[in-house]
C-alpha atoms as a PDB file:
ATOM      1  CA  MET A   1      -0.171   0.014   0.618  1.00  0.00           C
ATOM      2  CA  ALA A   2       3.040   2.452   0.771  1.00  0.00           C
ATOM      3  CA  ARG A   3       4.609   1.414  -2.850  1.00  0.00           C
ATOM      4  CA  ALA A   4       1.047   2.472  -4.198  1.00  0.00           C
ATOM      5  CA  LEU A   5       0.722   5.288  -2.471  1.00  0.00           C
ATOM      6  CA  THR A   6       4.458   6.568  -3.005  1.00  0.00           C
ATOM      7  CA  PHE A   7       3.818   5.967  -7.092  1.00  0.00           C
ATOM      8  CA  ALA A   8       0.704   8.114  -7.131  1.00  0.00           C
ATOM      9  CA  ARG A   9       2.271  10.652  -5.261  1.00  0.00           C
ATOM     10  CA  SER A  10       4.981  10.617  -7.353  1.00  0.00           C
ATOM     11  CA  MET A  11       3.179  10.631 -10.671  1.00  0.00           C
ATOM     12  CA  GLN A  12       0.701  13.347  -9.255  1.00  0.00           C
ATOM     13  CA  ALA A  13       3.540  15.881  -8.764  1.00  0.00           C
ATOM     14  CA  ILE A  14       5.180  14.950 -12.322  1.00  0.00           C
ATOM     15  CA  SER A  15       1.984  15.652 -13.650  1.00  0.00           C
ATOM     16  CA  ALA A  16       2.144  19.220 -11.703  1.00  0.00           C
ATOM     17  CA  SER A  17       5.233  20.181 -12.873  1.00  0.00           C
ATOM     18  CA  PRO A  18       5.231  23.420 -15.207  1.00  0.00           C
ATOM     19  CA  ASN A  19       8.412  21.983 -16.677  1.00  0.00           C
ATOM     20  CA  LEU A  20       6.571  19.405 -18.126  1.00  0.00           C
ATOM     21  CA  GLU A  21       4.171  21.302 -19.429  1.00  0.00           C
ATOM     22  CA  ARG A  22       6.586  23.141 -21.062  1.00  0.00           C
ATOM     23  CA  MET A  23       8.585  20.419 -22.151  1.00  0.00           C
ATOM     24  CA  ILE A  24       5.348  18.370 -23.357  1.00  0.00           C
ATOM     25  CA  HIS A  25       4.753  21.304 -26.640  1.00  0.00           C
ATOM     26  CA  MET A  26       8.179  21.084 -27.456  1.00  0.00           C
ATOM     27  CA  ASP A  27       8.095  19.951 -31.317  1.00  0.00           C
ATOM     28  CA  MET A  28      10.737  17.493 -33.150  1.00  0.00           C
ATOM     29  CA  GLN A  29      13.344  20.159 -33.779  1.00  0.00           C
ATOM     30  CA  ALA A  30      13.373  21.478 -30.179  1.00  0.00           C
ATOM     31  CA  ILE A  31      13.568  18.105 -29.082  1.00  0.00           C
ATOM     32  CA  THR A  32      16.661  17.366 -31.520  1.00  0.00           C
ATOM     33  CA  GLU A  33      18.570  20.467 -30.123  1.00  0.00           C
ATOM     34  CA  ALA A  34      18.384  19.386 -26.680  1.00  0.00           C
ATOM     35  CA  LEU A  35      19.447  16.003 -27.658  1.00  0.00           C
ATOM     36  CA  ARG A  36      22.251  17.503 -29.605  1.00  0.00           C
ATOM     37  CA  ALA A  37      23.111  19.543 -26.738  1.00  0.00           C
ATOM     38  CA  LYS A  38      23.300  16.488 -23.900  1.00  0.00           C
ATOM     39  CA  VAL A  39      25.027  14.257 -26.491  1.00  0.00           C
ATOM     40  CA  GLY A  40      28.031  16.754 -27.190  1.00  0.00           C
ATOM     41  CA  ASP A  41      30.660  15.487 -29.142  1.00  0.00           C
ATOM     42  CA  ASP A  42      31.160  11.515 -27.561  1.00  0.00           C
ATOM     43  CA  SER A  43      27.756  10.416 -25.641  1.00  0.00           C
ATOM     44  CA  GLY A  44      29.948   6.981 -24.948  1.00  0.00           C
ATOM     45  CA  LEU A  45      26.822   4.980 -26.526  1.00  0.00           C
ATOM     46  CA  GLY A  46      29.230   3.864 -29.665  1.00  0.00           C
ATOM     47  CA  ALA A  47      25.921   3.120 -31.450  1.00  0.00           C
ATOM     48  CA  VAL A  48      23.373   4.506 -33.442  1.00  0.00           C
ATOM     49  CA  LEU A  49      20.006   5.178 -31.239  1.00  0.00           C
ATOM     50  CA  LYS A  50      16.773   6.095 -32.955  1.00  0.00           C
ATOM     51  CA  PHE A  51      14.027   7.417 -31.203  1.00  0.00           C
ATOM     52  CA  ASP A  52      10.728   6.909 -33.547  1.00  0.00           C
ATOM     53  CA  CYS A  53       7.785   9.417 -32.491  1.00  0.00           C
ATOM     54  CA  GLY A  54       5.233   8.017 -35.226  1.00  0.00           C
ATOM     55  CA  ASP A  55       4.020  10.523 -37.396  1.00  0.00           C
ATOM     56  CA  ASP A  56       5.339  13.736 -35.330  1.00  0.00           C
ATOM     57  CA  GLY A  57       8.868  12.032 -36.822  1.00  0.00           C
ATOM     58  CA  VAL A  58      11.921  10.623 -35.462  1.00  0.00           C
ATOM     59  CA  ALA A  59      15.343  11.792 -33.599  1.00  0.00           C
ATOM     60  CA  VAL A  60      18.276   9.935 -34.467  1.00  0.00           C
ATOM     61  CA  ILE A  61      21.831   9.930 -32.229  1.00  0.00           C
ATOM     62  CA  ASP A  62      24.698   8.357 -34.318  1.00  0.00           C
ATOM     63  CA  ALA A  63      27.338   7.651 -31.719  1.00  0.00           C
ATOM     64  CA  LYS A  64      29.510   6.038 -33.927  1.00  0.00           C
ATOM     65  CA  ALA A  65      30.335   9.154 -35.886  1.00  0.00           C
ATOM     66  CA  SER A  66      33.198  11.422 -34.180  1.00  0.00           C
ATOM     67  CA  PRO A  67      32.143  13.667 -33.266  1.00  0.00           C
ATOM     68  CA  ASN A  68      28.380  12.203 -32.483  1.00  0.00           C
ATOM     69  CA  THR A  69      25.896  13.732 -34.314  1.00  0.00           C
ATOM     70  CA  VAL A  70      21.674  14.279 -33.862  1.00  0.00           C
ATOM     71  CA  SER A  71      19.509  14.527 -36.902  1.00  0.00           C
ATOM     72  CA  ASN A  72      15.937  14.004 -38.022  1.00  0.00           C
ATOM     73  CA  GLU A  73      16.672  11.438 -40.702  1.00  0.00           C
ATOM     74  CA  ASN A  74      15.189   8.419 -40.598  1.00  0.00           C
ATOM     75  CA  ARG A  75      17.522   5.524 -40.852  1.00  0.00           C
ATOM     76  CA  GLU A  76      18.267   2.098 -39.653  1.00  0.00           C
ATOM     77  CA  ALA A  77      19.740   2.386 -36.073  1.00  0.00           C
ATOM     78  CA  ASP A  78      21.158  -0.423 -33.828  1.00  0.00           C
ATOM     79  CA  CYS A  79      18.537   0.356 -31.801  1.00  0.00           C
ATOM     80  CA  THR A  80      15.104   2.015 -31.855  1.00  0.00           C
ATOM     81  CA  VAL A  81      13.089   3.364 -29.354  1.00  0.00           C
ATOM     82  CA  ALA A  82       9.125   3.466 -30.176  1.00  0.00           C
ATOM     83  CA  ILE A  83       8.089   6.578 -27.990  1.00  0.00           C
ATOM     84  CA  SER A  84       5.303   9.473 -27.865  1.00  0.00           C
ATOM     85  CA  ARG A  85       7.307  13.058 -28.760  1.00  0.00           C
ATOM     86  CA  GLU A  86       5.333  14.308 -25.128  1.00  0.00           C
ATOM     87  CA  ASN A  87       7.386  11.169 -23.324  1.00  0.00           C
ATOM     88  CA  LEU A  88      10.436  11.768 -25.077  1.00  0.00           C
ATOM     89  CA  ALA A  89      10.601  15.335 -24.141  1.00  0.00           C
ATOM     90  CA  ALA A  90       9.628  14.064 -20.266  1.00  0.00           C
ATOM     91  CA  LEU A  91      12.465  12.026 -20.692  1.00  0.00           C
ATOM     92  CA  ILE A  92      15.203  14.682 -22.155  1.00  0.00           C
ATOM     93  CA  SER A  93      13.805  16.956 -19.264  1.00  0.00           C
ATOM     94  CA  GLY A  94      14.598  14.514 -16.663  1.00  0.00           C
ATOM     95  CA  GLU A  95      11.071  14.468 -15.812  1.00  0.00           C
ATOM     96  CA  LEU A  96      10.436  10.888 -16.769  1.00  0.00           C
ATOM     97  CA  ASN A  97      13.544   8.225 -15.910  1.00  0.00           C
ATOM     98  CA  PRO A  98      14.591   6.082 -18.361  1.00  0.00           C
ATOM     99  CA  MET A  99      14.056   2.708 -16.021  1.00  0.00           C
ATOM    100  CA  ASN A 100      10.730   4.095 -15.111  1.00  0.00           C
ATOM    101  CA  GLY A 101       9.535   4.902 -18.280  1.00  0.00           C
ATOM    102  CA  PHE A 102      10.057   1.469 -19.552  1.00  0.00           C
ATOM    103  CA  MET A 103       8.858  -0.198 -16.995  1.00  0.00           C
ATOM    104  CA  MET A 104       5.337   1.478 -17.116  1.00  0.00           C
ATOM    105  CA  GLY A 105       5.128   1.049 -20.718  1.00  0.00           C
ATOM    106  CA  LYS A 106       6.082   4.280 -21.807  1.00  0.00           C
ATOM    107  CA  PHE A 107       8.045   3.299 -24.765  1.00  0.00           C
ATOM    108  CA  LYS A 108       9.177   0.377 -26.237  1.00  0.00           C
ATOM    109  CA  VAL A 109      12.768  -0.987 -27.361  1.00  0.00           C
ATOM    110  CA  SER A 110      13.913  -2.830 -30.052  1.00  0.00           C
ATOM    111  CA  GLY A 111      17.162  -4.015 -31.533  1.00  0.00           C
ATOM    112  CA  ASP A 112      20.372  -3.929 -29.191  1.00  0.00           C
ATOM    113  CA  MET A 113      18.729  -3.758 -25.580  1.00  0.00           C
ATOM    114  CA  SER A 114      22.510  -3.036 -24.377  1.00  0.00           C
ATOM    115  CA  VAL A 115      22.163   0.485 -26.255  1.00  0.00           C
ATOM    116  CA  ALA A 116      19.057   1.241 -24.269  1.00  0.00           C
ATOM    117  CA  MET A 117      20.838   0.023 -21.184  1.00  0.00           C
ATOM    118  CA  LYS A 118      23.213   2.811 -22.219  1.00  0.00           C
ATOM    119  CA  LEU A 119      20.216   5.604 -22.617  1.00  0.00           C
ATOM    120  CA  SER A 120      20.432   7.294 -19.227  1.00  0.00           C
ATOM    121  CA  ARG A 121      24.091   8.399 -20.617  1.00  0.00           C
ATOM    122  CA  VAL A 122      22.203  10.352 -22.942  1.00  0.00           C
ATOM    123  CA  VAL A 123      18.842  11.639 -21.412  1.00  0.00           C
END
């Protein structure tokens, strides 16, 4: 019961966050710029990671390139994260923890799961 109450309070705090409200309205270009800033020249991923936001578009981190690049070019990736634009914005802002997001079904991962496990290095 205490665990459920703690979870409910966490979710209430997240949903009431003014930062989350601002982040939810980020378009893919703003998300791409935020990812570019977080990734920098060397994210340590060593792979290509694609965030697929369906009709909203994609953001691809090429961490095999030196320096690392981030683009909206839809291409093959070692790991693909199927996620809504809103949840991706929440990941980037820190409002959604990658492990919690995965466990709560906020996104699905396909491809190399070891790349997804390094997601916290990027977001």
